[in-house]
Every structure is written in structure tokens, then in C-alpha cells.
Amino acid sequence: MTENTNVTTGNGEHTNAVNTRNANNGARVATRQEAALTPPVDVIEDASGITLFADLPGVPKDKLNLQLDTDSLIIEGEVAIDAPQDMQSSHAEIKVPRYRRSFTLSKELDAENAAAEFNHGVLKLRIPKAAHAQPKKIQISVT
């Protein structure tokens, strides 16, 4: 039997743990644990869609992953710090080298036409509104 557990720590880290029951005694054994920081994200909505700005410092473009479906968005990134191999840090501000954030999207958004840019650790994601959700201009005829 497999059970997924989501845990949020006091410092904003999220942990996804997968537990399995031992067949002999029913005890739970953690088989995988992935902690992730929650990146700050600004969401700006206008008449034609939404723009998300996610701060992902230390994440290179090749370690960034976006999963965009019709009703959900998942942003994941892995921090890569370039340091000499023989160097040991005496203090680390970031103890968890991953970011993860998920959103539920409105049906009014058109995920098929989303566009993303990544520059200096900031992800900009533009998701336009679907045609049926766009504001319409109605002409008024005078009689």
C-alpha cells in the first residue's frame, strides 16, 4: 500500500513523502522524501490574460521544468550553485536545493497559447484568456 503525504515546515519548505507499509508488521517506511522551497510568485491579471513572475534564484534554464495543463500549472526548479569541488561551505542559507509551486488554473485561460521567458532567475509566464473569455465590444445602433 502506498500513501502520499504532504508536509509544510515552518520555513516554507514543502515535503512530499511516499510511505509504504511493511508487509510483515504494517509499519510505515519512508522510501522517498523530496523537500522543496516555495518560490515567491506575483500574478498580474489584465483583460487579455494573466502574467506570472516567479523568483527562482540559482536555477539554470536547463534545471527549470514547467508543466502546464488546461487546469493546472506546476513550476519546478533545481538550484545549481557553481562552486569548486574541494570547497565546503561554512554556512548555507538555502538548505533545500529545489523549488516547487503549483496552481489551479481557471477554465477561462488558454494554456495552449502560453509563452514563457526566463532571465536572471526570474520566470515570466504569460497565459492568455481563451477567446470565449475575452472582453467583447458591442456596437450600439441608434434608431
Protein backbone atom coordinates (compact mmCIF):
# COMPACT_ATOMS: atom_id res chain seq x y z
CA MET A 1 0.00 0.00 0.00
CA THR A 2 1.34 3.44 -0.92
CA GLU A 3 0.39 6.69 0.75
CA ASN A 4 1.43 10.20 -0.33
CA THR A 5 1.94 12.74 2.44
CA ASN A 6 2.44 16.50 2.02
CA VAL A 7 4.09 18.32 4.91
CA THR A 8 4.78 22.06 5.21
CA THR A 9 7.53 23.13 7.57
CA GLY A 10 7.64 26.45 9.41
CA ASN A 11 10.16 27.96 6.98
CA GLY A 12 8.06 27.49 3.82
CA GLU A 13 9.56 24.18 2.73
CA HIS A 14 7.22 21.52 1.40
CA THR A 15 7.99 17.84 1.74
CA ASN A 16 6.39 15.13 -0.33
CA ALA A 17 6.96 11.80 1.33
CA VAL A 18 5.93 8.46 -0.08
CA ASN A 19 5.33 5.88 2.62
CA THR A 20 4.84 2.17 2.14
CA ARG A 21 3.56 -0.35 4.64
CA ASN A 22 5.86 -3.20 5.52
CA ALA A 23 4.07 -6.45 4.68
CA ASN A 24 5.31 -8.19 7.83
CA ASN A 25 4.37 -5.78 10.58
CA GLY A 26 2.38 -2.97 8.93
CA ALA A 27 4.97 -0.33 9.92
CA ARG A 28 5.43 2.63 7.60
CA VAL A 29 8.82 3.03 5.97
CA ALA A 30 9.71 6.26 4.13
CA THR A 31 11.03 5.32 0.71
CA ARG A 32 11.38 8.79 -0.84
CA GLN A 33 11.39 12.27 0.56
CA GLU A 34 11.67 15.42 -1.53
CA ALA A 35 11.69 18.79 0.20
CA ALA A 36 11.14 21.95 -1.84
CA LEU A 37 11.09 25.68 -1.22
CA THR A 38 8.02 27.64 -2.29
CA PRO A 39 9.18 30.40 -4.64
CA PRO A 40 7.51 33.80 -4.42
CA VAL A 41 5.20 34.39 -7.39
CA ASP A 42 3.45 37.58 -8.48
CA VAL A 43 0.29 37.08 -10.55
CA ILE A 44 -1.00 40.01 -12.58
CA GLU A 45 -4.32 39.79 -14.38
CA ASP A 46 -5.44 42.09 -17.17
CA ALA A 47 -8.28 42.00 -19.68
CA SER A 48 -6.46 39.59 -22.01
CA GLY A 49 -4.90 37.11 -19.56
CA ILE A 50 -2.53 36.62 -16.64
CA THR A 51 1.21 37.08 -16.24
CA LEU A 52 3.14 35.21 -13.54
CA PHE A 53 6.57 36.28 -12.31
CA ALA A 54 8.33 33.56 -10.28
CA ASP A 55 11.62 34.24 -8.48
CA LEU A 56 13.88 31.19 -8.85
CA PRO A 57 17.39 32.35 -7.90
CA GLY A 58 20.16 29.85 -8.59
CA VAL A 59 18.09 27.78 -11.04
CA PRO A 60 19.64 27.44 -14.51
CA LYS A 61 17.32 27.22 -17.53
CA ASP A 62 18.11 23.52 -18.07
CA LYS A 63 17.00 22.70 -14.49
CA LEU A 64 13.65 24.51 -14.81
CA ASN A 65 10.51 22.49 -15.52
CA LEU A 66 7.04 23.82 -16.32
CA GLN A 67 4.02 21.53 -16.54
CA LEU A 68 1.01 23.34 -17.91
CA ASP A 69 -2.30 21.58 -18.44
CA THR A 70 -5.73 23.03 -19.10
CA ASP A 71 -6.44 23.39 -15.38
CA SER A 72 -3.08 23.22 -13.59
CA LEU A 73 0.41 24.69 -13.58
CA ILE A 74 3.44 23.23 -11.81
CA ILE A 75 6.73 25.14 -11.62
CA GLU A 76 9.79 23.15 -10.50
CA GLY A 77 13.43 24.10 -10.47
CA GLU A 78 16.65 22.69 -9.10
CA VAL A 79 19.27 25.08 -7.71
CA ALA A 80 22.73 24.68 -9.21
CA ILE A 81 25.49 26.56 -7.41
CA ASP A 82 28.82 26.71 -9.22
CA ALA A 83 31.46 26.15 -6.55
CA PRO A 84 34.83 24.43 -6.68
CA GLN A 85 34.54 20.74 -5.80
CA ASP A 86 37.07 20.95 -2.97
CA MET A 87 35.23 23.87 -1.33
CA GLN A 88 32.97 23.31 1.68
CA SER A 89 30.52 25.96 2.80
CA SER A 90 30.59 27.04 6.41
CA HIS A 91 27.08 28.50 6.20
CA ALA A 92 24.25 27.84 3.75
CA GLU A 93 21.12 29.99 3.53
CA ILE A 94 19.44 27.51 1.17
CA LYS A 95 19.41 24.01 2.59
CA VAL A 96 16.85 22.66 0.12
CA PRO A 97 18.11 22.84 -3.47
CA ARG A 98 14.66 22.66 -5.11
CA TYR A 99 11.72 24.94 -5.77
CA ARG A 100 8.16 23.76 -6.39
CA ARG A 101 4.91 25.66 -6.76
CA SER A 102 1.57 24.53 -8.15
CA PHE A 103 -1.53 26.44 -9.20
CA THR A 104 -5.06 25.56 -10.24
CA LEU A 105 -5.96 27.48 -13.38
CA SER A 106 -9.28 28.93 -14.44
CA LYS A 107 -11.08 27.35 -17.38
CA GLU A 108 -11.07 30.84 -18.91
CA LEU A 109 -7.31 30.61 -19.59
CA ASP A 110 -5.86 29.30 -22.84
CA ALA A 111 -2.91 27.12 -21.74
CA GLU A 112 -2.23 26.11 -25.37
CA ASN A 113 -1.03 29.64 -26.18
CA ALA A 114 1.11 30.25 -23.10
CA ALA A 115 4.56 31.78 -23.53
CA ALA A 116 7.48 31.73 -21.08
CA GLU A 117 10.72 33.67 -20.66
CA PHE A 118 13.47 33.03 -18.12
CA ASN A 119 16.02 35.74 -17.41
CA HIS A 120 18.38 36.20 -14.43
CA GLY A 121 16.44 33.79 -12.21
CA VAL A 122 13.01 35.28 -12.94
CA LEU A 123 10.43 33.25 -14.84
CA LYS A 124 7.82 35.25 -16.74
CA LEU A 125 4.85 33.18 -17.87
CA ARG A 126 2.04 34.71 -19.91
CA ILE A 127 -1.23 32.77 -20.21
CA PRO A 128 -3.86 34.49 -22.36
CA LYS A 129 -7.56 34.21 -21.76
CA ALA A 130 -9.49 31.93 -24.10
CA ALA A 131 -11.43 33.60 -26.90
CA HIS A 132 -14.76 32.99 -25.14
CA ALA A 133 -13.47 34.78 -22.02
CA GLN A 134 -12.07 37.86 -23.81
CA PRO A 135 -13.97 41.12 -23.36
CA LYS A 136 -16.18 41.83 -26.34
CA LYS A 137 -17.00 45.21 -27.77
CA ILE A 138 -20.65 45.52 -28.69
CA GLN A 139 -21.72 48.15 -31.18
CA ILE A 140 -24.82 50.07 -30.31
CA SER A 141 -27.04 51.10 -33.16
CA VAL A 142 -29.08 54.24 -32.89
CA THR A 143 -32.67 54.05 -34.17
